[in-house]
């Protein structure tokens, strides 16, 4: 499903969070050319922040958090499936279970 990108305005810029793999002038210019405001942290920035403040917890990017949640499903972590269709179906099931676990409610049968 494709979701249209909202228009870029001064009040609502399009931010792009990236890891240290995207440090550099070329990638920064490309992100800005596409209309994004880049937020790229180099490898040592979070270590320095942790040294200055021991209670500092680094922000995890959305993609990193999603991969962490999905990696808890062993069948996805070690890919046993031979066909793309089977693997895609398992990723969708795991994503649905993750979403259901995030829903607050009296009982949650997914944890059963």
PDB file of N, CA and C in Angstrom:
ATOM      1  N   UNK A   1       0.844  -1.162   0.000  1.00  0.00           N
ATOM      2  CA  UNK A   1       0.000   0.000   0.000  1.00  0.00           C
ATOM      3  C   UNK A   1       0.896   1.234   0.000  1.00  0.00           C
ATOM      4  N   UNK A   2       0.660   2.126  -0.906  1.00  0.00           N
ATOM      5  CA  UNK A   2       1.413   3.366  -0.982  1.00  0.00           C
ATOM      6  C   UNK A   2       0.621   4.489  -0.338  1.00  0.00           C
ATOM      7  N   UNK A   3       1.290   5.253   0.484  1.00  0.00           N
ATOM      8  CA  UNK A   3       0.668   6.396   1.144  1.00  0.00           C
ATOM      9  C   UNK A   3       1.314   7.645   0.568  1.00  0.00           C
ATOM     10  N   UNK A   4       0.500   8.581   0.068  1.00  0.00           N
ATOM     11  CA  UNK A   4       1.096   9.782  -0.518  1.00  0.00           C
ATOM     12  C   UNK A   4       1.850  10.600   0.531  1.00  0.00           C
ATOM     13  N   UNK A   5       2.942  11.163   0.112  1.00  0.00           N
ATOM     14  CA  UNK A   5       3.764  11.968   1.003  1.00  0.00           C
ATOM     15  C   UNK A   5       3.104  13.321   1.222  1.00  0.00           C
ATOM     16  N   UNK A   6       3.004  13.789   2.474  1.00  0.00           N
ATOM     17  CA  UNK A   6       2.387  15.095   2.713  1.00  0.00           C
ATOM     18  C   UNK A   6       3.252  16.212   2.136  1.00  0.00           C
ATOM     19  N   UNK A   7       2.636  17.338   1.802  1.00  0.00           N
ATOM     20  CA  UNK A   7       3.415  18.436   1.228  1.00  0.00           C
ATOM     21  C   UNK A   7       4.412  19.001   2.243  1.00  0.00           C
ATOM     22  N   UNK A   8       5.555  19.436   1.743  1.00  0.00           N
ATOM     23  CA  UNK A   8       6.596  20.007   2.591  1.00  0.00           C
ATOM     24  C   UNK A   8       6.304  21.486   2.798  1.00  0.00           C
ATOM     25  N   UNK A   9       6.246  21.908   4.048  1.00  0.00           N
ATOM     26  CA  UNK A   9       6.045  23.317   4.385  1.00  0.00           C
ATOM     27  C   UNK A   9       7.089  23.712   5.423  1.00  0.00           C
ATOM     28  N   UNK A  10       7.174  25.014   5.698  1.00  0.00           N
ATOM     29  CA  UNK A  10       8.105  25.486   6.727  1.00  0.00           C
ATOM     30  C   UNK A  10       7.717  24.933   8.098  1.00  0.00           C
ATOM     31  N   UNK A  11       6.411  24.865   8.353  1.00  0.00           N
ATOM     32  CA  UNK A  11       5.937  24.369   9.646  1.00  0.00           C
ATOM     33  C   UNK A  11       6.075  22.856   9.765  1.00  0.00           C
ATOM     34  N   UNK A  12       6.020  22.152   8.642  1.00  0.00           N
ATOM     35  CA  UNK A  12       6.041  20.691   8.648  1.00  0.00           C
ATOM     36  C   UNK A  12       7.080  20.179   7.647  1.00  0.00           C
ATOM     37  N   UNK A  13       8.374  20.251   8.020  1.00  0.00           N
ATOM     38  CA  UNK A  13       9.394  19.733   7.102  1.00  0.00           C
ATOM     39  C   UNK A  13       9.395  18.206   7.099  1.00  0.00           C
ATOM     40  N   UNK A  14       9.940  17.622   6.055  1.00  0.00           N
ATOM     41  CA  UNK A  14      10.067  16.168   5.966  1.00  0.00           C
ATOM     42  C   UNK A  14      11.430  15.787   6.531  1.00  0.00           C
ATOM     43  N   UNK A  15      11.433  15.125   7.680  1.00  0.00           N
ATOM     44  CA  UNK A  15      12.668  14.712   8.324  1.00  0.00           C
ATOM     45  C   UNK A  15      13.044  13.307   7.878  1.00  0.00           C
ATOM     46  N   UNK A  16      14.334  13.063   7.770  1.00  0.00           N
ATOM     47  CA  UNK A  16      14.841  11.749   7.410  1.00  0.00           C
ATOM     48  C   UNK A  16      15.939  11.383   8.398  1.00  0.00           C
ATOM     49  N   UNK A  17      15.672  10.390   9.239  1.00  0.00           N
ATOM     50  CA  UNK A  17      16.651   9.914  10.213  1.00  0.00           C
ATOM     51  C   UNK A  17      17.438   8.773   9.594  1.00  0.00           C
ATOM     52  N   UNK A  18      18.758   8.878   9.637  1.00  0.00           N
ATOM     53  CA  UNK A  18      19.610   7.853   9.042  1.00  0.00           C
ATOM     54  C   UNK A  18      20.773   7.558   9.980  1.00  0.00           C
ATOM     55  N   UNK A  19      21.392   6.402   9.770  1.00  0.00           N
ATOM     56  CA  UNK A  19      22.520   6.031  10.620  1.00  0.00           C
ATOM     57  C   UNK A  19      23.834   6.461   9.975  1.00  0.00           C
ATOM     58  N   UNK A  20      24.936   6.034  10.578  1.00  0.00           N
ATOM     59  CA  UNK A  20      26.257   6.490  10.151  1.00  0.00           C
ATOM     60  C   UNK A  20      26.623   6.050   8.740  1.00  0.00           C
ATOM     61  N   UNK A  21      25.898   5.113   8.177  1.00  0.00           N
ATOM     62  CA  UNK A  21      26.171   4.692   6.810  1.00  0.00           C
ATOM     63  C   UNK A  21      25.862   5.771   5.783  1.00  0.00           C
ATOM     64  N   UNK A  22      25.144   6.805   6.197  1.00  0.00           N
ATOM     65  CA  UNK A  22      24.749   7.868   5.281  1.00  0.00           C
ATOM     66  C   UNK A  22      25.462   9.184   5.570  1.00  0.00           C
ATOM     67  N   UNK A  23      26.601   9.130   6.267  1.00  0.00           N
ATOM     68  CA  UNK A  23      27.387  10.328   6.527  1.00  0.00           C
ATOM     69  C   UNK A  23      28.142  10.689   5.252  1.00  0.00           C
ATOM     70  N   UNK A  24      28.114  11.937   4.891  1.00  0.00           N
ATOM     71  CA  UNK A  24      28.863  12.386   3.712  1.00  0.00           C
ATOM     72  C   UNK A  24      28.131  13.486   2.976  1.00  0.00           C
ATOM     73  N   UNK A  25      28.899  14.266   2.232  1.00  0.00           N
ATOM     74  CA  UNK A  25      28.325  15.396   1.500  1.00  0.00           C
ATOM     75  C   UNK A  25      27.371  14.940   0.403  1.00  0.00           C
ATOM     76  N   UNK A  26      27.754  13.892  -0.321  1.00  0.00           N
ATOM     77  CA  UNK A  26      26.940  13.437  -1.449  1.00  0.00           C
ATOM     78  C   UNK A  26      25.560  12.994  -0.988  1.00  0.00           C
ATOM     79  N   UNK A  27      25.519  12.178   0.050  1.00  0.00           N
ATOM     80  CA  UNK A  27      24.214  11.696   0.521  1.00  0.00           C
ATOM     81  C   UNK A  27      23.404  12.820   1.153  1.00  0.00           C
ATOM     82  N   UNK A  28      24.076  13.732   1.858  1.00  0.00           N
ATOM     83  CA  UNK A  28      23.354  14.857   2.455  1.00  0.00           C
ATOM     84  C   UNK A  28      22.714  15.720   1.370  1.00  0.00           C
ATOM     85  N   UNK A  29      23.472  16.001   0.312  1.00  0.00           N
ATOM     86  CA  UNK A  29      22.928  16.793  -0.794  1.00  0.00           C
ATOM     87  C   UNK A  29      21.770  16.070  -1.476  1.00  0.00           C
ATOM     88  N   UNK A  30      21.887  14.754  -1.636  1.00  0.00           N
ATOM     89  CA  UNK A  30      20.813  13.980  -2.265  1.00  0.00           C
ATOM     90  C   UNK A  30      19.546  14.030  -1.415  1.00  0.00           C
ATOM     91  N   UNK A  31      19.687  13.886  -0.088  1.00  0.00           N
ATOM     92  CA  UNK A  31      18.517  13.958   0.797  1.00  0.00           C
ATOM     93  C   UNK A  31      17.854  15.325   0.711  1.00  0.00           C
ATOM     94  N   UNK A  32      18.670  16.380   0.709  1.00  0.00           N
ATOM     95  CA  UNK A  32      18.118  17.732   0.614  1.00  0.00           C
ATOM     96  C   UNK A  32      17.473  17.970  -0.747  1.00  0.00           C
ATOM     97  N   UNK A  33      18.062  17.408  -1.798  1.00  0.00           N
ATOM     98  CA  UNK A  33      17.496  17.544  -3.143  1.00  0.00           C
ATOM     99  C   UNK A  33      16.117  16.897  -3.218  1.00  0.00           C
ATOM    100  N   UNK A  34      15.930  15.801  -2.507  1.00  0.00           N
ATOM    101  CA  UNK A  34      14.637  15.114  -2.490  1.00  0.00           C
ATOM    102  C   UNK A  34      13.638  15.784  -1.546  1.00  0.00           C
ATOM    103  N   UNK A  35      14.049  16.854  -0.852  1.00  0.00           N
ATOM    104  CA  UNK A  35      13.132  17.600  -0.008  1.00  0.00           C
ATOM    105  C   UNK A  35      13.105  17.164   1.446  1.00  0.00           C
ATOM    106  N   UNK A  36      14.105  16.433   1.881  1.00  0.00           N
ATOM    107  CA  UNK A  36      14.155  15.973   3.271  1.00  0.00           C
ATOM    108  C   UNK A  36      15.127  16.820   4.081  1.00  0.00           C
ATOM    109  N   UNK A  37      14.877  16.911   5.385  1.00  0.00           N
ATOM    110  CA  UNK A  37      15.823  17.490   6.320  1.00  0.00           C
ATOM    111  C   UNK A  37      16.579  16.327   6.946  1.00  0.00           C
ATOM    112  N   UNK A  38      17.863  16.134   6.597  1.00  0.00           N
ATOM    113  CA  UNK A  38      18.579  14.958   7.091  1.00  0.00           C
ATOM    114  C   UNK A  38      18.980  15.074   8.560  1.00  0.00           C
ATOM    115  N   UNK A  39      18.838  13.978   9.285  1.00  0.00           N
ATOM    116  CA  UNK A  39      19.305  13.844  10.664  1.00  0.00           C
ATOM    117  C   UNK A  39      20.183  12.599  10.691  1.00  0.00           C
ATOM    118  N   UNK A  40      21.486  12.809  10.538  1.00  0.00           N
ATOM    119  CA  UNK A  40      22.429  11.694  10.456  1.00  0.00           C
ATOM    120  C   UNK A  40      23.404  11.815  11.618  1.00  0.00           C
ATOM    121  N   UNK A  41      23.496  10.761  12.414  1.00  0.00           N
ATOM    122  CA  UNK A  41      24.421  10.758  13.543  1.00  0.00           C
ATOM    123  C   UNK A  41      25.627   9.910  13.195  1.00  0.00           C
ATOM    124  N   UNK A  42      26.801  10.474  13.421  1.00  0.00           N
ATOM    125  CA  UNK A  42      28.018   9.703  13.166  1.00  0.00           C
ATOM    126  C   UNK A  42      28.211   8.684  14.284  1.00  0.00           C
ATOM    127  N   UNK A  43      29.128   7.773  14.077  1.00  0.00           N
ATOM    128  CA  UNK A  43      29.308   6.649  14.993  1.00  0.00           C
ATOM    129  C   UNK A  43      29.649   7.076  16.419  1.00  0.00           C
ATOM    130  N   UNK A  44      30.413   8.124  16.600  1.00  0.00           N
ATOM    131  CA  UNK A  44      30.864   8.485  17.940  1.00  0.00           C
ATOM    132  C   UNK A  44      29.930   9.377  18.731  1.00  0.00           C
ATOM    133  N   UNK A  45      28.920   9.961  18.101  1.00  0.00           N
ATOM    134  CA  UNK A  45      28.057  10.924  18.793  1.00  0.00           C
ATOM    135  C   UNK A  45      27.286  10.298  19.949  1.00  0.00           C
ATOM    136  N   UNK A  46      26.701   9.132  19.750  1.00  0.00           N
ATOM    137  CA  UNK A  46      25.933   8.505  20.821  1.00  0.00           C
ATOM    138  C   UNK A  46      26.845   8.023  21.941  1.00  0.00           C
ATOM    139  N   UNK A  47      28.059   7.582  21.608  1.00  0.00           N
ATOM    140  CA  UNK A  47      29.019   7.159  22.630  1.00  0.00           C
ATOM    141  C   UNK A  47      29.428   8.359  23.479  1.00  0.00           C
ATOM    142  N   UNK A  48      29.664   9.519  22.837  1.00  0.00           N
ATOM    143  CA  UNK A  48      30.009  10.730  23.578  1.00  0.00           C
ATOM    144  C   UNK A  48      28.866  11.167  24.481  1.00  0.00           C
ATOM    145  N   UNK A  49      27.643  11.105  23.975  1.00  0.00           N
ATOM    146  CA  UNK A  49      26.481  11.485  24.778  1.00  0.00           C
ATOM    147  C   UNK A  49      26.334  10.559  25.984  1.00  0.00           C
ATOM    148  N   UNK A  50      26.601   9.283  25.809  1.00  0.00           N
ATOM    149  CA  UNK A  50      26.520   8.308  26.902  1.00  0.00           C
ATOM    150  C   UNK A  50      27.606   8.582  27.943  1.00  0.00           C
ATOM    151  N   UNK A  51      28.807   8.979  27.498  1.00  0.00           N
ATOM    152  CA  UNK A  51      29.897   9.276  28.424  1.00  0.00           C
ATOM    153  C   UNK A  51      29.590  10.517  29.261  1.00  0.00           C
ATOM    154  N   UNK A  52      28.958  11.517  28.643  1.00  0.00           N
ATOM    155  CA  UNK A  52      28.621  12.748  29.360  1.00  0.00           C
ATOM    156  C   UNK A  52      27.463  12.551  30.324  1.00  0.00           C
ATOM    157  N   UNK A  53      26.509  11.715  29.949  1.00  0.00           N
ATOM    158  CA  UNK A  53      25.320  11.486  30.770  1.00  0.00           C
ATOM    159  C   UNK A  53      25.059   9.982  30.840  1.00  0.00           C
ATOM    160  N   UNK A  54      25.406   9.325  31.957  1.00  0.00           N
ATOM    161  CA  UNK A  54      25.247   7.865  32.047  1.00  0.00           C
ATOM    162  C   UNK A  54      23.802   7.386  31.918  1.00  0.00           C
ATOM    163  N   UNK A  55      22.833   8.246  32.170  1.00  0.00           N
ATOM    164  CA  UNK A  55      21.429   7.831  32.057  1.00  0.00           C
ATOM    165  C   UNK A  55      20.892   7.998  30.641  1.00  0.00           C
ATOM    166  N   UNK A  56      21.743   8.480  29.731  1.00  0.00           N
ATOM    167  CA  UNK A  56      21.326   8.702  28.344  1.00  0.00           C
ATOM    168  C   UNK A  56      21.006   7.382  27.662  1.00  0.00           C
ATOM    169  N   UNK A  57      19.864   7.353  27.004  1.00  0.00           N
ATOM    170  CA  UNK A  57      19.493   6.195  26.195  1.00  0.00           C
ATOM    171  C   UNK A  57      19.419   6.654  24.749  1.00  0.00           C
ATOM    172  N   UNK A  58      20.191   6.041  23.867  1.00  0.00           N
ATOM    173  CA  UNK A  58      20.159   6.479  22.470  1.00  0.00           C
ATOM    174  C   UNK A  58      18.802   6.218  21.835  1.00  0.00           C
ATOM    175  N   UNK A  59      18.392   7.146  20.984  1.00  0.00           N
ATOM    176  CA  UNK A  59      17.127   6.973  20.268  1.00  0.00           C
ATOM    177  C   UNK A  59      17.313   5.925  19.199  1.00  0.00           C
ATOM    178  N   UNK A  60      16.399   5.011  19.155  1.00  0.00           N
ATOM    179  CA  UNK A  60      16.455   4.008  18.100  1.00  0.00           C
ATOM    180  C   UNK A  60      15.579   4.482  16.961  1.00  0.00           C
ATOM    181  N   UNK A  61      16.037   4.299  15.793  1.00  0.00           N
ATOM    182  CA  UNK A  61      15.247   4.659  14.630  1.00  0.00           C
ATOM    183  C   UNK A  61      14.091   3.682  14.493  1.00  0.00           C
ATOM    184  N   UNK A  62      13.065   4.104  13.813  1.00  0.00           N
ATOM    185  CA  UNK A  62      11.873   3.277  13.650  1.00  0.00           C
ATOM    186  C   UNK A  62      12.225   1.943  13.002  1.00  0.00           C
ATOM    187  N   UNK A  63      13.060   1.986  11.997  1.00  0.00           N
ATOM    188  CA  UNK A  63      13.424   0.751  11.293  1.00  0.00           C
ATOM    189  C   UNK A  63      14.175  -0.192  12.219  1.00  0.00           C
ATOM    190  N   UNK A  64      15.089   0.346  13.031  1.00  0.00           N
ATOM    191  CA  UNK A  64      15.839  -0.496  13.957  1.00  0.00           C
ATOM    192  C   UNK A  64      14.912  -1.154  14.965  1.00  0.00           C
ATOM    193  N   UNK A  65      13.935  -0.402  15.464  1.00  0.00           N
ATOM    194  CA  UNK A  65      12.988  -0.971  16.424  1.00  0.00           C
ATOM    195  C   UNK A  65      12.158  -2.076  15.773  1.00  0.00           C
ATOM    196  N   UNK A  66      11.709  -1.851  14.543  1.00  0.00           N
ATOM    197  CA  UNK A  66      10.915  -2.873  13.840  1.00  0.00           C
ATOM    198  C   UNK A  66      11.726  -4.138  13.602  1.00  0.00           C
ATOM    199  N   UNK A  67      12.982  -3.979  13.198  1.00  0.00           N
ATOM    200  CA  UNK A  67      13.831  -5.160  12.994  1.00  0.00           C
ATOM    201  C   UNK A  67      14.040  -5.901  14.309  1.00  0.00           C
ATOM    202  N   UNK A  68      14.204  -5.164  15.390  1.00  0.00           N
ATOM    203  CA  UNK A  68      14.379  -5.797  16.695  1.00  0.00           C
ATOM    204  C   UNK A  68      13.144  -6.605  17.078  1.00  0.00           C
ATOM    205  N   UNK A  69      11.955  -6.042  16.863  1.00  0.00           N
ATOM    206  CA  UNK A  69      10.718  -6.768  17.186  1.00  0.00           C
ATOM    207  C   UNK A  69      10.575  -8.004  16.312  1.00  0.00           C
ATOM    208  N   UNK A  70      10.878  -7.851  15.019  1.00  0.00           N
ATOM    209  CA  UNK A  70      10.734  -8.995  14.102  1.00  0.00           C
ATOM    210  C   UNK A  70      11.756 -10.084  14.371  1.00  0.00           C
ATOM    211  N   UNK A  71      12.948  -9.706  14.820  1.00  0.00           N
ATOM    212  CA  UNK A  71      13.986 -10.702  15.083  1.00  0.00           C
ATOM    213  C   UNK A  71      13.642 -11.617  16.247  1.00  0.00           C
ATOM    214  N   UNK A  72      12.635 -11.263  17.020  1.00  0.00           N
ATOM    215  CA  UNK A  72      12.198 -12.138  18.110  1.00  0.00           C
ATOM    216  C   UNK A  72      11.408 -13.334  17.592  1.00  0.00           C
ATOM    217  N   UNK A  73      11.045 -13.296  16.329  1.00  0.00           N
ATOM    218  CA  UNK A  73      10.392 -14.437  15.690  1.00  0.00           C
ATOM    219  C   UNK A  73      11.492 -15.247  15.007  1.00  0.00           C
ATOM    220  N   UNK A  74      11.846 -16.362  15.616  1.00  0.00           N
ATOM    221  CA  UNK A  74      13.012 -17.123  15.178  1.00  0.00           C
ATOM    222  C   UNK A  74      12.918 -17.572  13.719  1.00  0.00           C
ATOM    223  N   UNK A  75      11.729 -17.905  13.297  1.00  0.00           N
ATOM    224  CA  UNK A  75      11.561 -18.379  11.921  1.00  0.00           C
ATOM    225  C   UNK A  75      11.893 -17.278  10.913  1.00  0.00           C
ATOM    226  N   UNK A  76      11.765 -16.020  11.323  1.00  0.00           N
ATOM    227  CA  UNK A  76      12.130 -14.913  10.443  1.00  0.00           C
ATOM    228  C   UNK A  76      13.608 -14.565  10.564  1.00  0.00           C
ATOM    229  N   UNK A  77      14.140 -14.705  11.773  1.00  0.00           N
ATOM    230  CA  UNK A  77      15.543 -14.365  11.995  1.00  0.00           C
ATOM    231  C   UNK A  77      16.458 -15.276  11.178  1.00  0.00           C
ATOM    232  N   UNK A  78      16.201 -16.575  11.261  1.00  0.00           N
ATOM    233  CA  UNK A  78      16.921 -17.546  10.438  1.00  0.00           C
ATOM    234  C   UNK A  78      15.945 -17.951   9.350  1.00  0.00           C
ATOM    235  N   UNK A  79      16.177 -17.508   8.144  1.00  0.00           N
ATOM    236  CA  UNK A  79      15.190 -17.694   7.079  1.00  0.00           C
ATOM    237  C   UNK A  79      15.183 -19.136   6.581  1.00  0.00           C
ATOM    238  N   UNK A  80      14.167 -19.884   7.018  1.00  0.00           N
ATOM    239  CA  UNK A  80      14.017 -21.274   6.600  1.00  0.00           C
ATOM    240  C   UNK A  80      13.201 -21.393   5.317  1.00  0.00           C
ATOM    241  N   UNK A  81      12.398 -20.387   5.021  1.00  0.00           N
ATOM    242  CA  UNK A  81      11.481 -20.468   3.884  1.00  0.00           C
ATOM    243  C   UNK A  81      12.236 -20.374   2.565  1.00  0.00           C
ATOM    244  N   UNK A  82      11.836 -21.200   1.614  1.00  0.00           N
ATOM    245  CA  UNK A  82      12.509 -21.210   0.315  1.00  0.00           C
ATOM    246  C   UNK A  82      11.873 -20.242  -0.670  1.00  0.00           C
ATOM    247  N   UNK A  83      10.571 -20.021  -0.537  1.00  0.00           N
ATOM    248  CA  UNK A  83       9.895 -19.143  -1.496  1.00  0.00           C
ATOM    249  C   UNK A  83       9.657 -17.768  -0.884  1.00  0.00           C
ATOM    250  N   UNK A  84       9.679 -16.764  -1.739  1.00  0.00           N
ATOM    251  CA  UNK A  84       9.430 -15.400  -1.277  1.00  0.00           C
ATOM    252  C   UNK A  84       8.016 -15.242  -0.741  1.00  0.00           C
ATOM    253  N   UNK A  85       7.063 -15.939  -1.352  1.00  0.00           N
ATOM    254  CA  UNK A  85       5.665 -15.828  -0.910  1.00  0.00           C
ATOM    255  C   UNK A  85       5.502 -16.304   0.526  1.00  0.00           C
ATOM    256  N   UNK A  86       6.124 -17.420   0.862  1.00  0.00           N
ATOM    257  CA  UNK A  86       6.022 -17.943   2.226  1.00  0.00           C
ATOM    258  C   UNK A  86       6.673 -16.989   3.224  1.00  0.00           C
ATOM    259  N   UNK A  87       7.842 -16.487   2.866  1.00  0.00           N
ATOM    260  CA  UNK A  87       8.547 -15.575   3.761  1.00  0.00           C
ATOM    261  C   UNK A  87       7.751 -14.281   3.955  1.00  0.00           C
ATOM    262  N   UNK A  88       7.208 -13.738   2.864  1.00  0.00           N
ATOM    263  CA  UNK A  88       6.405 -12.515   2.952  1.00  0.00           C
ATOM    264  C   UNK A  88       5.179 -12.733   3.825  1.00  0.00           C
ATOM    265  N   UNK A  89       4.536 -13.889   3.687  1.00  0.00           N
ATOM    266  CA  UNK A  89       3.367 -14.194   4.514  1.00  0.00           C
ATOM    267  C   UNK A  89       3.748 -14.251   5.989  1.00  0.00           C
ATOM    268  N   UNK A  90       4.884 -14.860   6.306  1.00  0.00           N
ATOM    269  CA  UNK A  90       5.322 -14.928   7.699  1.00  0.00           C
ATOM    270  C   UNK A  90       5.672 -13.550   8.253  1.00  0.00           C
ATOM    271  N   UNK A  91       6.272 -12.705   7.429  1.00  0.00           N
ATOM    272  CA  UNK A  91       6.573 -11.337   7.860  1.00  0.00           C
ATOM    273  C   UNK A  91       5.277 -10.594   8.167  1.00  0.00           C
ATOM    274  N   UNK A  92       4.258 -10.785   7.332  1.00  0.00           N
ATOM    275  CA  UNK A  92       2.969 -10.118   7.562  1.00  0.00           C
ATOM    276  C   UNK A  92       2.300 -10.631   8.833  1.00  0.00           C
ATOM    277  N   UNK A  93       2.363 -11.932   9.069  1.00  0.00           N
ATOM    278  CA  UNK A  93       1.782 -12.494  10.296  1.00  0.00           C
ATOM    279  C   UNK A  93       2.518 -11.951  11.517  1.00  0.00           C
ATOM    280  N   UNK A  94       3.845 -11.936  11.465  1.00  0.00           N
ATOM    281  CA  UNK A  94       4.628 -11.414  12.585  1.00  0.00           C
ATOM    282  C   UNK A  94       4.316  -9.938  12.823  1.00  0.00           C
ATOM    283  N   UNK A  95       4.180  -9.170  11.755  1.00  0.00           N
ATOM    284  CA  UNK A  95       3.856  -7.747  11.889  1.00  0.00           C
ATOM    285  C   UNK A  95       2.481  -7.553  12.511  1.00  0.00           C
ATOM    286  N   UNK A  96       1.525  -8.393  12.133  1.00  0.00           N
ATOM    287  CA  UNK A  96       0.186  -8.313  12.725  1.00  0.00           C
ATOM    288  C   UNK A  96       0.235  -8.645  14.213  1.00  0.00           C
ATOM    289  N   UNK A  97       1.005  -9.665  14.581  1.00  0.00           N
ATOM    290  CA  UNK A  97       1.127 -10.025  15.999  1.00  0.00           C
ATOM    291  C   UNK A  97       1.773  -8.886  16.779  1.00  0.00           C
ATOM    292  N   UNK A  98       2.814  -8.274  16.211  1.00  0.00           N
ATOM    293  CA  UNK A  98       3.467  -7.138  16.869  1.00  0.00           C
ATOM    294  C   UNK A  98       2.474  -6.000  17.068  1.00  0.00           C
ATOM    295  N   UNK A  99       1.671  -5.711  16.051  1.00  0.00           N
ATOM    296  CA  UNK A  99       0.678  -4.636  16.154  1.00  0.00           C
ATOM    297  C   UNK A  99      -0.365  -4.957  17.216  1.00  0.00           C
ATOM    298  N   UNK A 100      -0.844  -6.198  17.258  1.00  0.00           N
ATOM    299  CA  UNK A 100      -1.826  -6.581  18.268  1.00  0.00           C
ATOM    300  C   UNK A 100      -1.244  -6.477  19.672  1.00  0.00           C
ATOM    301  N   UNK A 101       0.022  -6.776  19.833  1.00  0.00           N
ATOM    302  CA  UNK A 101       0.653  -6.680  21.151  1.00  0.00           C
ATOM    303  C   UNK A 101       0.745  -5.238  21.628  1.00  0.00           C
ATOM    304  N   UNK A 102       0.786  -4.296  20.705  1.00  0.00           N
ATOM    305  CA  UNK A 102       0.874  -2.883  21.071  1.00  0.00           C
ATOM    306  C   UNK A 102      -0.479  -2.302  21.484  1.00  0.00           C
ATOM    307  N   UNK A 103      -1.574  -2.994  21.154  1.00  0.00           N
ATOM    308  CA  UNK A 103      -2.911  -2.509  21.486  1.00  0.00           C
ATOM    309  C   UNK A 103      -3.162  -2.729  22.971  1.00  0.00           C
ATOM    310  N   UNK A 104      -3.565  -1.676  23.640  1.00  0.00           N
ATOM    311  CA  UNK A 104      -3.887  -1.780  25.059  1.00  0.00           C
ATOM    312  C   UNK A 104      -5.292  -2.349  25.202  1.00  0.00           C
ATOM    313  N   UNK A 105      -5.446  -3.290  26.089  1.00  0.00           N
ATOM    314  CA  UNK A 105      -6.761  -3.880  26.299  1.00  0.00           C
ATOM    315  C   UNK A 105      -6.787  -4.702  27.570  1.00  0.00           C
ATOM    316  N   UNK A 106      -7.987  -5.140  27.932  1.00  0.00           N
ATOM    317  CA  UNK A 106      -8.132  -5.946  29.147  1.00  0.00           C
ATOM    318  C   UNK A 106      -7.432  -7.283  28.993  1.00  0.00           C
ATOM    319  N   UNK A 107      -7.692  -7.960  27.887  1.00  0.00           N
ATOM    320  CA  UNK A 107      -7.026  -9.231  27.623  1.00  0.00           C
ATOM    321  C   UNK A 107      -6.435  -9.175  26.230  1.00  0.00           C
ATOM    322  N   UNK A 108      -5.336  -9.832  26.081  1.00  0.00           N
ATOM    323  CA  UNK A 108      -4.681  -9.853  24.783  1.00  0.00           C
ATOM    324  C   UNK A 108      -4.325 -11.301  24.483  1.00  0.00           C
ATOM    325  N   UNK A 109      -5.077 -11.930  23.599  1.00  0.00           N
ATOM    326  CA  UNK A 109      -4.908 -13.358  23.354  1.00  0.00           C
ATOM    327  C   UNK A 109      -3.628 -13.685  22.602  1.00  0.00           C
ATOM    328  N   UNK A 110      -2.978 -12.681  22.022  1.00  0.00           N
ATOM    329  CA  UNK A 110      -1.770 -12.935  21.244  1.00  0.00           C
ATOM    330  C   UNK A 110      -0.619 -13.388  22.144  1.00  0.00           C
ATOM    331  N   UNK A 111      -0.620 -12.988  23.417  1.00  0.00           N
ATOM    332  CA  UNK A 111       0.460 -13.392  24.309  1.00  0.00           C
ATOM    333  C   UNK A 111       0.317 -14.824  24.786  1.00  0.00           C
ATOM    334  N   UNK A 112      -0.889 -15.410  24.665  1.00  0.00           N
ATOM    335  CA  UNK A 112      -1.202 -16.732  25.163  1.00  0.00           C
ATOM    336  C   UNK A 112      -0.212 -17.746  24.896  1.00  0.00           C
TER     337      UNK A 112
END
